[in-house]
Structures are given as structure tokens and as C-alpha cells.
C-alpha atoms as a PDB file:
ATOM      1  CA  MET A   1       0.000   0.000   0.000  1.00  0.00           C
ATOM      2  CA  ASP A   2       1.150   3.512  -0.717  1.00  0.00           C
ATOM      3  CA  GLY A   3       0.219   6.242   1.730  1.00  0.00           C
ATOM      4  CA  GLY A   4       0.600   9.077  -0.793  1.00  0.00           C
ATOM      5  CA  SER A   5       3.070  11.668   0.478  1.00  0.00           C
ATOM      6  CA  ALA A   6       6.344  10.582   1.990  1.00  0.00           C
ATOM      7  CA  GLY A   7       5.683  12.504   5.197  1.00  0.00           C
ATOM      8  CA  SER A   8       2.514  10.562   6.086  1.00  0.00           C
ATOM      9  CA  SER A   9       3.607   7.194   4.760  1.00  0.00           C
ATOM     10  CA  ARG A  10       3.933   4.513   7.416  1.00  0.00           C
ATOM     11  CA  LEU A  11       4.494   1.273   5.544  1.00  0.00           C
ATOM     12  CA  LYS A  12       5.599   0.772   1.967  1.00  0.00           C
ATOM     13  CA  TRP A  13       5.653  -2.591   0.181  1.00  0.00           C
ATOM     14  CA  THR A  14       7.777  -3.140  -2.910  1.00  0.00           C
ATOM     15  CA  GLU A  15       7.635  -6.309  -4.986  1.00  0.00           C
ATOM     16  CA  SER A  16      10.924  -7.896  -5.926  1.00  0.00           C
ATOM     17  CA  LYS A  17      12.191  -7.709  -9.471  1.00  0.00           C
ATOM     18  CA  THR A  18      12.228 -11.481  -9.846  1.00  0.00           C
ATOM     19  CA  GLY A  19       8.454 -11.660  -9.522  1.00  0.00           C
ATOM     20  CA  SER A  20       8.629 -14.177  -6.673  1.00  0.00           C
ATOM     21  CA  LYS A  21       6.380 -14.067  -3.620  1.00  0.00           C
ATOM     22  CA  MET A  22       9.182 -12.648  -1.495  1.00  0.00           C
ATOM     23  CA  VAL A  23       8.756  -8.930  -0.948  1.00  0.00           C
ATOM     24  CA  SER A  24      10.804  -6.355   0.892  1.00  0.00           C
ATOM     25  CA  CYS A  25       9.263  -3.803   3.183  1.00  0.00           C
ATOM     26  CA  SER A  26      10.480  -0.588   4.682  1.00  0.00           C
ATOM     27  CA  LEU A  27       9.176   1.468   7.591  1.00  0.00           C
ATOM     28  CA  GLN A  28       9.216   5.231   7.430  1.00  0.00           C
ATOM     29  CA  PHE A  29       8.584   7.160  10.645  1.00  0.00           C
ATOM     30  CA  ASP A  30       7.800  10.797  11.087  1.00  0.00           C
ATOM     31  CA  GLU A  31       7.240  12.872  14.213  1.00  0.00           C
ATOM     32  CA  SER A  32       3.579  13.622  13.635  1.00  0.00           C
ATOM     33  CA  SER A  33       1.894  10.604  15.283  1.00  0.00           C
ATOM     34  CA  ASP A  34       2.881   8.253  18.100  1.00  0.00           C
ATOM     35  CA  ASP A  35      -0.219   6.064  17.853  1.00  0.00           C
ATOM     36  CA  ASP A  36       1.028   4.271  14.751  1.00  0.00           C
ATOM     37  CA  LEU A  37       4.269   3.324  16.463  1.00  0.00           C
ATOM     38  CA  GLU A  38       2.385   2.053  19.477  1.00  0.00           C
ATOM     39  CA  LYS A  39       0.298  -0.189  17.213  1.00  0.00           C
ATOM     40  CA  LEU A  40       3.460  -1.723  15.769  1.00  0.00           C
ATOM     41  CA  MET A  41       4.700  -2.710  19.228  1.00  0.00           C
ATOM     42  CA  THR A  42       4.082  -6.219  20.482  1.00  0.00           C
ATOM     43  CA  PRO A  43       2.258  -6.778  23.803  1.00  0.00           C
ATOM     44  CA  SER A  44       5.485  -7.897  25.471  1.00  0.00           C
ATOM     45  CA  SER A  45       7.209  -4.729  24.272  1.00  0.00           C
ATOM     46  CA  LYS A  46       4.380  -2.639  25.656  1.00  0.00           C
ATOM     47  CA  ARG A  47       4.676  -4.362  29.009  1.00  0.00           C
ATOM     48  CA  LYS A  48       8.410  -3.693  29.107  1.00  0.00           C
ATOM     49  CA  LEU A  49       7.841  -0.025  28.338  1.00  0.00           C
ATOM     50  CA  ASP A  50       6.025   1.998  30.973  1.00  0.00           C
ATOM     51  CA  LEU A  51       4.212   4.512  28.764  1.00  0.00           C
ATOM     52  CA  SER A  52       3.052   6.560  31.727  1.00  0.00           C
ATOM     53  CA  HIS A  53       6.678   6.889  32.805  1.00  0.00           C
ATOM     54  CA  VAL A  54       7.593   8.064  29.330  1.00  0.00           C
ATOM     55  CA  SER A  55       4.815  10.637  29.374  1.00  0.00           C
ATOM     56  CA  HIS A  56       6.231  12.102  32.579  1.00  0.00           C
ATOM     57  CA  MET A  57       9.533  12.523  30.747  1.00  0.00           C
ATOM     58  CA  SER A  58       7.988  14.587  27.947  1.00  0.00           C
ATOM     59  CA  HIS A  59       9.900  17.624  29.077  1.00  0.00           C
ATOM     60  CA  MET A  60      13.144  15.919  28.040  1.00  0.00           C
ATOM     61  CA  SER A  61      14.469  16.467  24.549  1.00  0.00           C
ATOM     62  CA  ILE A  62      13.820  13.299  22.538  1.00  0.00           C
ATOM     63  CA  ALA A  63      14.908  13.255  18.921  1.00  0.00           C
ATOM     64  CA  SER A  64      12.033  11.203  17.478  1.00  0.00           C
ATOM     65  CA  PRO A  65       9.279   8.689  18.353  1.00  0.00           C
ATOM     66  CA  MET A  66      11.659   5.976  17.119  1.00  0.00           C
ATOM     67  CA  GLN A  67      14.101   6.931  19.845  1.00  0.00           C
ATOM     68  CA  GLU A  68      11.276   7.346  22.394  1.00  0.00           C
ATOM     69  CA  TYR A  69       9.516   3.995  21.899  1.00  0.00           C
ATOM     70  CA  VAL A  70      11.677   1.590  19.946  1.00  0.00           C
ATOM     71  CA  SER A  71      15.050   2.217  21.595  1.00  0.00           C
ATOM     72  CA  PRO A  72      13.901   1.514  25.174  1.00  0.00           C
ATOM     73  CA  CYS A  73      12.072  -1.618  24.043  1.00  0.00           C
ATOM     74  CA  PHE A  74      15.112  -3.094  22.369  1.00  0.00           C
ATOM     75  CA  GLN A  75      17.797  -1.895  24.740  1.00  0.00           C
ATOM     76  CA  GLU A  76      17.967  -5.377  26.194  1.00  0.00           C
ATOM     77  CA  LEU A  77      18.315  -6.756  22.665  1.00  0.00           C
ATOM     78  CA  PHE A  78      21.586  -4.969  22.008  1.00  0.00           C
ATOM     79  CA  GLN A  79      22.948  -5.840  25.443  1.00  0.00           C
ATOM     80  CA  SER A  80      22.290  -9.532  24.779  1.00  0.00           C
ATOM     81  CA  ASN A  81      24.640  -9.584  21.768  1.00  0.00           C
ATOM     82  CA  GLY A  82      22.103 -10.995  19.354  1.00  0.00           C
ATOM     83  CA  PRO A  83      18.751 -10.524  17.607  1.00  0.00           C
ATOM     84  CA  ARG A  84      17.014 -13.104  19.837  1.00  0.00           C
ATOM     85  CA  PRO A  85      17.758 -12.375  23.482  1.00  0.00           C
ATOM     86  CA  LYS A  86      15.624 -15.237  24.838  1.00  0.00           C
ATOM     87  CA  ARG A  87      17.263 -17.741  22.559  1.00  0.00           C
ATOM     88  CA  PHE A  88      20.675 -16.313  23.372  1.00  0.00           C
ATOM     89  CA  ARG A  89      20.042 -16.604  27.101  1.00  0.00           C
ATOM     90  CA  SER A  90      18.880 -20.167  26.611  1.00  0.00           C
ATOM     91  CA  PHE A  91      22.069 -20.997  24.726  1.00  0.00           C
ATOM     92  CA  GLU A  92      24.179 -19.359  27.426  1.00  0.00           C
ATOM     93  CA  SER A  93      22.452 -21.339  30.174  1.00  0.00           C
ATOM     94  CA  ARG A  94      22.999 -24.616  28.310  1.00  0.00           C
ATOM     95  CA  LYS A  95      26.625 -23.748  27.667  1.00  0.00           C
ATOM     96  CA  ASN A  96      27.238 -22.852  31.312  1.00  0.00           C
ATOM     97  CA  LEU A  97      25.529 -26.050  32.451  1.00  0.00           C
ATOM     98  CA  PHE A  98      27.680 -28.096  30.090  1.00  0.00           C
ATOM     99  CA  GLN A  99      30.890 -26.394  31.206  1.00  0.00           C
ATOM    100  CA  SER A 100      30.091 -26.825  34.891  1.00  0.00           C
ATOM    101  CA  THR A 101      29.215 -30.493  34.364  1.00  0.00           C
ATOM    102  CA  VAL A 102      32.416 -31.208  32.450  1.00  0.00           C
ATOM    103  CA  LYS A 103      34.463 -29.288  35.003  1.00  0.00           C
ATOM    104  CA  ASN A 104      32.988 -31.307  37.848  1.00  0.00           C
ATOM    105  CA  GLN A 105      33.598 -34.608  36.073  1.00  0.00           C
ATOM    106  CA  PHE A 106      37.130 -33.579  35.149  1.00  0.00           C
ATOM    107  CA  SER A 107      37.959 -32.506  38.696  1.00  0.00           C
ATOM    108  CA  GLU A 108      36.616 -35.799  40.005  1.00  0.00           C
ATOM    109  CA  SER A 109      38.810 -37.769  37.615  1.00  0.00           C
ATOM    110  CA  ILE A 110      42.115 -35.939  38.155  1.00  0.00           C
ATOM    111  CA  GLY A 111      41.956 -34.443  41.606  1.00  0.00           C
ATOM    112  CA  ALA A 112      38.640 -34.332  43.401  1.00  0.00           C
ATOM    113  CA  SER A 113      40.261 -35.652  46.531  1.00  0.00           C
ATOM    114  CA  GLU A 114      42.872 -32.915  46.372  1.00  0.00           C
ATOM    115  CA  CYS A 115      40.236 -30.217  45.934  1.00  0.00           C
ATOM    116  CA  LYS A 116      38.193 -31.475  48.879  1.00  0.00           C
ATOM    117  CA  GLU A 117      41.215 -31.875  51.122  1.00  0.00           C
ATOM    118  CA  ASN A 118      42.604 -28.468  50.266  1.00  0.00           C
ATOM    119  CA  HIS A 119      39.294 -26.828  51.179  1.00  0.00           C
ATOM    120  CA  SER A 120      38.919 -28.785  54.384  1.00  0.00           C
ATOM    121  CA  PRO A 121      39.533 -26.635  57.501  1.00  0.00           C
ATOM    122  CA  ASP A 122      41.304 -29.566  59.168  1.00  0.00           C
ATOM    123  CA  VAL A 123      44.005 -29.818  56.507  1.00  0.00           C
ATOM    124  CA  ALA A 124      46.681 -27.201  55.851  1.00  0.00           C
ATOM    125  CA  ARG A 125      46.653 -25.908  52.279  1.00  0.00           C
ATOM    126  CA  GLU A 126      49.780 -25.659  50.171  1.00  0.00           C
ATOM    127  CA  GLN A 127      51.530 -22.362  50.782  1.00  0.00           C
ATOM    128  CA  LYS A 128      53.537 -20.286  48.332  1.00  0.00           C
ATOM    129  CA  ASP A 129      56.617 -20.049  50.548  1.00  0.00           C
ATOM    130  CA  LYS A 130      56.644 -23.706  51.613  1.00  0.00           C
ATOM    131  CA  THR A 131      57.141 -27.094  50.019  1.00  0.00           C
ATOM    132  CA  GLY A 132      54.159 -28.950  48.606  1.00  0.00           C
ATOM    133  CA  ASP A 133      53.729 -31.004  51.768  1.00  0.00           C
ATOM    134  CA  GLY A 134      53.906 -27.867  53.923  1.00  0.00           C
ATOM    135  CA  LYS A 135      56.694 -29.252  56.110  1.00  0.00           C
ATOM    136  CA  PHE A 136      59.616 -26.959  55.239  1.00  0.00           C
ATOM    137  CA  PRO A 137      60.215 -23.487  53.831  1.00  0.00           C
ATOM    138  CA  LEU A 138      61.530 -23.425  50.270  1.00  0.00           C
ATOM    139  CA  CYS A 139      65.299 -23.793  50.087  1.00  0.00           C
ATOM    140  CA  LEU A 140      65.660 -21.679  46.929  1.00  0.00           C
ATOM    141  CA  PRO A 141      64.613 -18.020  46.624  1.00  0.00           C
ATOM    142  CA  THR A 142      61.670 -17.574  44.261  1.00  0.00           C
ATOM    143  CA  ILE A 143      60.127 -14.772  42.234  1.00  0.00           C
ATOM    144  CA  PRO A 144      56.454 -14.154  41.309  1.00  0.00           C
ATOM    145  CA  GLY A 145      57.058 -15.085  37.657  1.00  0.00           C
ATOM    146  CA  ASN A 146      54.434 -15.436  34.932  1.00  0.00           C
ATOM    147  CA  VAL A 147      52.946 -18.667  36.316  1.00  0.00           C
ATOM    148  CA  GLN A 148      51.384 -17.814  39.649  1.00  0.00           C
ATOM    149  CA  ASP A 149      50.606 -21.337  40.870  1.00  0.00           C
ATOM    150  CA  LEU A 150      54.185 -22.638  40.561  1.00  0.00           C
ATOM    151  CA  HIS A 151      57.385 -21.820  42.453  1.00  0.00           C
ATOM    152  CA  THR A 152      59.599 -19.917  40.003  1.00  0.00           C
ATOM    153  CA  ILE A 153      63.352 -19.391  40.170  1.00  0.00           C
ATOM    154  CA  THR A 154      65.591 -17.170  38.057  1.00  0.00           C
ATOM    155  CA  PRO A 155      68.390 -18.383  35.750  1.00  0.00           C
ATOM    156  CA  GLN A 156      70.866 -16.918  38.241  1.00  0.00           C
ATOM    157  CA  ILE A 157      69.543 -19.146  41.052  1.00  0.00           C
ATOM    158  CA  LEU A 158      69.851 -22.212  38.813  1.00  0.00           C
ATOM    159  CA  SER A 159      73.381 -21.165  37.904  1.00  0.00           C
ATOM    160  CA  ASP A 160      74.247 -20.900  41.599  1.00  0.00           C
ATOM    161  CA  LEU A 161      72.710 -24.314  42.184  1.00  0.00           C
ATOM    162  CA  LEU A 162      74.832 -25.853  39.410  1.00  0.00           C
ATOM    163  CA  GLN A 163      77.960 -24.289  40.893  1.00  0.00           C
ATOM    164  CA  GLY A 164      77.318 -25.670  44.382  1.00  0.00           C
ATOM    165  CA  VAL A 165      76.106 -22.569  46.189  1.00  0.00           C
ATOM    166  CA  TYR A 166      73.259 -24.533  47.832  1.00  0.00           C
ATOM    167  CA  LYS A 167      75.134 -27.778  48.440  1.00  0.00           C
ATOM    168  CA  ASP A 168      74.717 -27.493  52.228  1.00  0.00           C
ATOM    169  CA  THR A 169      70.943 -27.701  51.855  1.00  0.00           C
ATOM    170  CA  VAL A 170      70.273 -29.430  48.534  1.00  0.00           C
ATOM    171  CA  GLN A 171      71.211 -33.084  48.620  1.00  0.00           C
ATOM    172  CA  SER A 172      70.242 -33.761  44.996  1.00  0.00           C
ATOM    173  CA  PHE A 173      68.492 -31.957  42.161  1.00  0.00           C
ATOM    174  CA  ARG A 174      67.234 -32.886  38.705  1.00  0.00           C
ATOM    175  CA  ILE A 175      66.640 -30.491  35.825  1.00  0.00           C
ATOM    176  CA  ILE A 176      63.719 -31.634  33.668  1.00  0.00           C
ATOM    177  CA  ASP A 177      63.907 -30.298  30.110  1.00  0.00           C
ATOM    178  CA  CYS A 178      60.390 -30.577  28.616  1.00  0.00           C
ATOM    179  CA  ARG A 179      61.389 -29.500  25.118  1.00  0.00           C
ATOM    180  CA  TYR A 180      61.345 -31.833  22.132  1.00  0.00           C
ATOM    181  CA  PRO A 181      64.410 -34.044  21.476  1.00  0.00           C
ATOM    182  CA  TYR A 182      65.736 -31.989  18.573  1.00  0.00           C
ATOM    183  CA  GLU A 183      65.695 -28.892  20.766  1.00  0.00           C
ATOM    184  CA  TYR A 184      67.442 -30.757  23.568  1.00  0.00           C
ATOM    185  CA  ALA A 185      70.093 -32.123  21.177  1.00  0.00           C
ATOM    186  CA  GLY A 186      70.699 -28.618  19.842  1.00  0.00           C
ATOM    187  CA  GLY A 187      71.722 -27.356  23.281  1.00  0.00           C
ATOM    188  CA  HIS A 188      70.652 -27.948  26.885  1.00  0.00           C
ATOM    189  CA  ILE A 189      71.609 -27.109  30.453  1.00  0.00           C
ATOM    190  CA  LYS A 190      74.378 -29.318  31.786  1.00  0.00           C
ATOM    191  CA  GLY A 191      72.959 -32.345  33.542  1.00  0.00           C
ATOM    192  CA  ALA A 192      69.401 -31.753  32.315  1.00  0.00           C
ATOM    193  CA  GLU A 193      67.155 -34.713  31.451  1.00  0.00           C
ATOM    194  CA  ASN A 194      64.887 -34.618  28.412  1.00  0.00           C
ATOM    195  CA  ILE A 195      61.344 -35.650  29.422  1.00  0.00           C
ATOM    196  CA  PHE A 196      58.642 -34.381  27.081  1.00  0.00           C
ATOM    197  CA  THR A 197      55.895 -37.029  27.469  1.00  0.00           C
ATOM    198  CA  GLU A 198      53.515 -37.739  30.309  1.00  0.00           C
ATOM    199  CA  GLU A 199      54.746 -41.329  30.344  1.00  0.00           C
ATOM    200  CA  GLY A 200      58.199 -40.026  31.217  1.00  0.00           C
ATOM    201  CA  ILE A 201      56.728 -37.854  33.973  1.00  0.00           C
ATOM    202  CA  LEU A 202      55.107 -40.962  35.479  1.00  0.00           C
ATOM    203  CA  HIS A 203      58.474 -42.717  35.605  1.00  0.00           C
ATOM    204  CA  LEU A 204      59.870 -39.655  37.321  1.00  0.00           C
ATOM    205  CA  LEU A 205      56.975 -39.640  39.781  1.00  0.00           C
ATOM    206  CA  HIS A 206      57.897 -43.058  41.183  1.00  0.00           C
ATOM    207  CA  GLN A 207      61.602 -42.289  41.498  1.00  0.00           C
ATOM    208  CA  LYS A 208      61.219 -41.015  45.033  1.00  0.00           C
ATOM    209  CA  LYS A 209      64.180 -39.768  47.072  1.00  0.00           C
ATOM    210  CA  SER A 210      64.474 -38.736  50.691  1.00  0.00           C
ATOM    211  CA  HIS A 211      63.564 -35.154  51.420  1.00  0.00           C
ATOM    212  CA  THR A 212      64.587 -33.629  54.728  1.00  0.00           C
ATOM    213  CA  GLU A 213      65.084 -30.085  55.938  1.00  0.00           C
ATOM    214  CA  ASN A 214      68.865 -30.204  55.458  1.00  0.00           C
ATOM    215  CA  GLY A 215      68.859 -32.765  52.673  1.00  0.00           C
ATOM    216  CA  ARG A 216      66.507 -31.580  49.937  1.00  0.00           C
ATOM    217  CA  SER A 217      65.781 -33.473  46.729  1.00  0.00           C
ATOM    218  CA  ILE A 218      64.324 -30.972  44.290  1.00  0.00           C
ATOM    219  CA  LEU A 219      63.125 -30.830  40.669  1.00  0.00           C
ATOM    220  CA  ILE A 220      63.464 -27.905  38.253  1.00  0.00           C
ATOM    221  CA  PHE A 221      61.211 -27.895  35.175  1.00  0.00           C
ATOM    222  CA  HIS A 222      61.633 -25.798  32.064  1.00  0.00           C
ATOM    223  CA  CYS A 223      60.948 -25.684  28.332  1.00  0.00           C
ATOM    224  CA  GLU A 224      61.930 -23.090  25.749  1.00  0.00           C
ATOM    225  CA  PHE A 225      60.197 -20.155  27.484  1.00  0.00           C
ATOM    226  CA  SER A 226      58.690 -21.978  30.496  1.00  0.00           C
ATOM    227  CA  SER A 227      55.263 -20.742  29.491  1.00  0.00           C
ATOM    228  CA  GLU A 228      53.544 -23.838  28.069  1.00  0.00           C
ATOM    229  CA  ARG A 229      55.168 -27.272  28.092  1.00  0.00           C
ATOM    230  CA  GLY A 230      57.217 -26.869  31.257  1.00  0.00           C
ATOM    231  CA  PRO A 231      54.350 -25.621  33.467  1.00  0.00           C
ATOM    232  CA  ARG A 232      51.991 -28.236  32.019  1.00  0.00           C
ATOM    233  CA  LYS A 233      54.327 -31.124  32.844  1.00  0.00           C
ATOM    234  CA  CYS A 234      55.022 -29.649  36.264  1.00  0.00           C
ATOM    235  CA  ARG A 235      51.307 -29.494  37.077  1.00  0.00           C
ATOM    236  CA  PHE A 236      50.809 -33.005  35.715  1.00  0.00           C
ATOM    237  CA  LEU A 237      53.450 -34.311  38.099  1.00  0.00           C
ATOM    238  CA  ARG A 238      51.891 -32.550  41.081  1.00  0.00           C
ATOM    239  CA  ASN A 239      48.353 -33.742  40.261  1.00  0.00           C
ATOM    240  CA  LYS A 240      49.455 -37.360  39.903  1.00  0.00           C
ATOM    241  CA  ASP A 241      51.582 -37.072  43.022  1.00  0.00           C
ATOM    242  CA  ARG A 242      48.526 -35.885  44.963  1.00  0.00           C
ATOM    243  CA  GLN A 243      46.468 -38.795  43.667  1.00  0.00           C
ATOM    244  CA  LEU A 244      49.160 -41.310  44.460  1.00  0.00           C
ATOM    245  CA  ASN A 245      49.416 -40.053  48.034  1.00  0.00           C
ATOM    246  CA  LYS A 246      45.763 -39.153  48.630  1.00  0.00           C
ATOM    247  CA  ASP A 247      45.593 -41.516  51.621  1.00  0.00           C
ATOM    248  CA  LYS A 248      48.684 -39.882  53.129  1.00  0.00           C
ATOM    249  CA  TYR A 249      47.880 -36.235  52.464  1.00  0.00           C
ATOM    250  CA  PRO A 250      49.798 -33.912  52.440  1.00  0.00           C
ATOM    251  CA  ASN A 251      52.798 -36.222  51.828  1.00  0.00           C
ATOM    252  CA  LEU A 252      54.287 -36.183  48.339  1.00  0.00           C
ATOM    253  CA  ASN A 253      56.955 -38.113  46.455  1.00  0.00           C
ATOM    254  CA  HIS A 254      58.351 -34.813  45.141  1.00  0.00           C
ATOM    255  CA  PRO A 255      57.330 -32.024  47.514  1.00  0.00           C
ATOM    256  CA  GLU A 256      59.766 -29.397  46.230  1.00  0.00           C
ATOM    257  CA  VAL A 257      59.369 -28.539  42.554  1.00  0.00           C
ATOM    258  CA  TYR A 258      60.436 -25.357  40.749  1.00  0.00           C
ATOM    259  CA  LEU A 259      59.957 -23.735  37.341  1.00  0.00           C
ATOM    260  CA  LEU A 260      62.817 -21.940  35.572  1.00  0.00           C
ATOM    261  CA  HIS A 261      61.768 -18.397  34.686  1.00  0.00           C
ATOM    262  CA  GLY A 262      62.232 -17.600  30.987  1.00  0.00           C
ATOM    263  CA  GLY A 263      63.082 -21.205  30.145  1.00  0.00           C
ATOM    264  CA  TYR A 264      66.138 -22.386  28.272  1.00  0.00           C
ATOM    265  CA  LYS A 265      66.259 -19.268  26.109  1.00  0.00           C
ATOM    266  CA  ALA A 266      66.758 -16.957  29.105  1.00  0.00           C
ATOM    267  CA  PHE A 267      69.289 -19.304  30.687  1.00  0.00           C
ATOM    268  CA  TYR A 268      71.274 -19.668  27.456  1.00  0.00           C
ATOM    269  CA  GLN A 269      71.426 -15.918  26.928  1.00  0.00           C
ATOM    270  CA  ASN A 270      73.050 -15.439  30.329  1.00  0.00           C
ATOM    271  CA  TYR A 271      74.977 -18.667  30.955  1.00  0.00           C
ATOM    272  CA  LYS A 272      76.143 -20.195  27.689  1.00  0.00           C
ATOM    273  CA  GLU A 273      79.090 -21.766  29.467  1.00  0.00           C
ATOM    274  CA  LEU A 274      76.672 -23.923  31.461  1.00  0.00           C
ATOM    275  CA  CYS A 275      75.003 -25.310  28.336  1.00  0.00           C
ATOM    276  CA  GLU A 276      76.111 -28.283  26.267  1.00  0.00           C
ATOM    277  CA  PRO A 277      76.554 -27.880  23.433  1.00  0.00           C
ATOM    278  CA  PRO A 278      76.608 -24.091  23.883  1.00  0.00           C
ATOM    279  CA  SER A 279      73.883 -23.453  21.296  1.00  0.00           C
ATOM    280  CA  TYR A 280      70.159 -22.893  21.055  1.00  0.00           C
ATOM    281  CA  VAL A 281      67.660 -24.501  18.631  1.00  0.00           C
ATOM    282  CA  PRO A 282      64.152 -22.974  18.861  1.00  0.00           C
ATOM    283  CA  MET A 283      61.060 -25.151  18.650  1.00  0.00           C
ATOM    284  CA  LEU A 284      59.918 -23.468  15.423  1.00  0.00           C
ATOM    285  CA  HIS A 285      63.218 -23.946  13.615  1.00  0.00           C
ATOM    286  CA  LYS A 286      62.502 -24.253   9.890  1.00  0.00           C
ATOM    287  CA  GLU A 287      64.796 -27.262   9.498  1.00  0.00           C
ATOM    288  CA  HIS A 288      62.809 -29.220  12.090  1.00  0.00           C
ATOM    289  CA  ALA A 289      59.266 -28.674  10.837  1.00  0.00           C
ATOM    290  CA  ASN A 290      58.690 -32.407  10.361  1.00  0.00           C
ATOM    291  CA  ASP A 291      60.233 -33.225  13.738  1.00  0.00           C
ATOM    292  CA  LEU A 292      57.912 -30.708  15.349  1.00  0.00           C
ATOM    293  CA  ARG A 293      54.813 -32.432  13.965  1.00  0.00           C
ATOM    294  CA  VAL A 294      56.045 -35.876  15.018  1.00  0.00           C
ATOM    295  CA  PHE A 295      57.035 -34.985  18.566  1.00  0.00           C
ATOM    296  CA  ARG A 296      54.061 -32.718  19.183  1.00  0.00           C
ATOM    297  CA  LYS A 297      51.741 -35.578  18.254  1.00  0.00           C
ATOM    298  CA  LYS A 298      53.708 -38.012  20.403  1.00  0.00           C
ATOM    299  CA  SER A 299      53.623 -35.726  23.410  1.00  0.00           C
ATOM    300  CA  LYS A 300      49.820 -35.527  23.214  1.00  0.00           C
ATOM    301  CA  SER A 301      49.049 -39.144  22.268  1.00  0.00           C
ATOM    302  CA  TRP A 302      48.102 -41.958  24.603  1.00  0.00           C
ATOM    303  CA  THR A 303      49.200 -45.417  23.590  1.00  0.00           C
ATOM    304  CA  ALA A 304      47.778 -48.665  24.903  1.00  0.00           C
ATOM    305  CA  GLY A 305      51.048 -49.338  26.699  1.00  0.00           C
ATOM    306  CA  GLU A 306      50.871 -46.015  28.511  1.00  0.00           C
ATOM    307  CA  LYS A 307      47.292 -46.675  29.632  1.00  0.00           C
ATOM    308  CA  LYS A 308      48.276 -50.090  30.899  1.00  0.00           C
ATOM    309  CA  GLN A 309      51.153 -48.550  32.772  1.00  0.00           C
ATOM    310  CA  TYR A 310      48.768 -46.080  34.405  1.00  0.00           C
ATOM    311  CA  ALA A 311      46.603 -48.976  35.574  1.00  0.00           C
ATOM    312  CA  LEU A 312      49.619 -50.807  36.979  1.00  0.00           C
ATOM    313  CA  MET A 313      50.653 -47.694  38.861  1.00  0.00           C
ATOM    314  CA  ASN A 314      47.135 -47.514  40.295  1.00  0.00           C
ATOM    315  CA  ILE A 315      46.673 -43.989  38.986  1.00  0.00           C
ATOM    316  CA  GLN A 316      43.239 -43.023  37.777  1.00  0.00           C
ATOM    317  CA  ILE A 317      43.073 -41.618  34.238  1.00  0.00           C
END
């Protein structure tokens, strides 16, 4: 229908050029009548909009009836990030329910006992300045670092440890290099062990050594930057250690574990003389693109032998 002049036209229908039944429509609003706009509003929109409240605000400068009626009605629409706020909220609720369910199941499978024990008022929680079992203060000075949940040491502290500065307190230490084998072969910290799979971490878990106040046995984890692989393997060790000793909480096989700040790159830049060979091969080296794919897949894969080994170790996976 055509309302004649453009000023009084409310609704204009235009048939498509293809002659199909689909038509396009356009709404044209003027400032002469508010009744037409009110008729276009749905009952739910009318309920959301308190017209009497709007009438009391007539003294305020409002640009147009579109801004007066339509904008308040659909304010919630734009805040809901989508054209269907109810459907969006429904999707969000289902997503949150799914995430909470998966999180609960995951926590039950890898550390529910640890979570419950740590929140129990009768059990001391792990402290930042103490070992994982809470028995002794840390023997190495730490820094906040980029990974807040792990004890982080600087390359200088590791250098001092290698040169015997802490020999009166540290009985033994092991440096766990979580990089891929081609990175390790291209240059590593003297005495470091290359463990980049979770199977290797499980072997390490059961190699328990005595840990006393004046005879510490500590582990230092790192990767290239100590931002991804190193922290992940370090957390994996602690989670499995908690599970293995859940009946003897807070005892641990490896209560004192550290992360090297900046990883091998930072250590190599400052202490090349303590690396063998004194070189540095980055993970994304162009000559090792194929090696990267192979070892990345291996580090994330679970073989039947590894699963069997988990069962033999009585560790829930």
C-alpha cells in the first residue's frame, strides 16, 4: 500500500524484481503521530515499556518517536549480543551447564580428593613459601614469575645451584627439560634430562628420594620459554603425586618442585658456558618442521602401553 506523500507514509511494500512471492518492506517514521508506532509494538514490548513513565519525561528532549519507543524496548536486545535475546540466554544457560558439568567430572577424575582436602579446615593448604607437603620453607629463593601457581626461580639461582652454592641444603636436584628431542640435542643445560611425554613424567613420579630439611631433593622444570610445556608437565606431576598419596595427604613423592623463569632461552642468553653444546635450537626452527609435527603428536598421544602402565601404577586416568 502507498500512503501518498512521503511525510505521512507509514508502511511501503515493494515487490521484488524477480516476480517471486518474497517482498521487501520498509518502515518510514515521522514525528507527527505516536499512535502508529504504538500499534506496531508487540504486547510484550508494551509491558516492558512503561508509557506513563515516558509521558512524565515529555519535558526531556527526545529526537524522534523511534528513539522514544523503539530504543527503550530493544535496549535489552543490544545488550544480549544478538537478535534473539531469549534464545541467546537459553544458549548461554545450556553452555554454562555443560561447562560446569564437564568441570565437575574432570575434577573428580584428576583431583577431586585434592580439591576437597585443600578446602577442608582440618588440613593445611599448600603455601607459596613452603614445600608442597607444607613441612619446610623453600630452600631456593623464588620470584612471582608469569605462572602464579608454581614456584619460580631465576636463571641466576639455577646457575648458583649448578655451581654448588646450595650444596649445604640441597642433597640432589634434577633439571627436567620438557622440550622436544631436537631442541634438547641442539643445546641444553648441563645435567638436564629430556622428558617431554607424560609417560616419562610418570616414571619420574615413582623415582622417590628422601627429602629432609637439610637434605633436599628438588626438581626444576623448564621448556623453551617456560610458558607452556614446562608448566603443564610440572602441574601433571603434582596432580598425579597428589592422587598417588591421597591416603597420606599432604605427603608427596616430590614435595619441592620449581619452574625456571624464561626457560632455556633466558638461561642460554646469560649462561652459555653452562650449556652443552653451547647453542640454542628454537622449537619453530625451519629445518625441524617435520620433527615438530612428530614430537608434538607423540607428546599428546596416549598409547595402549601407557594406559596399561597407568593402571599398573594404580593412577586413575
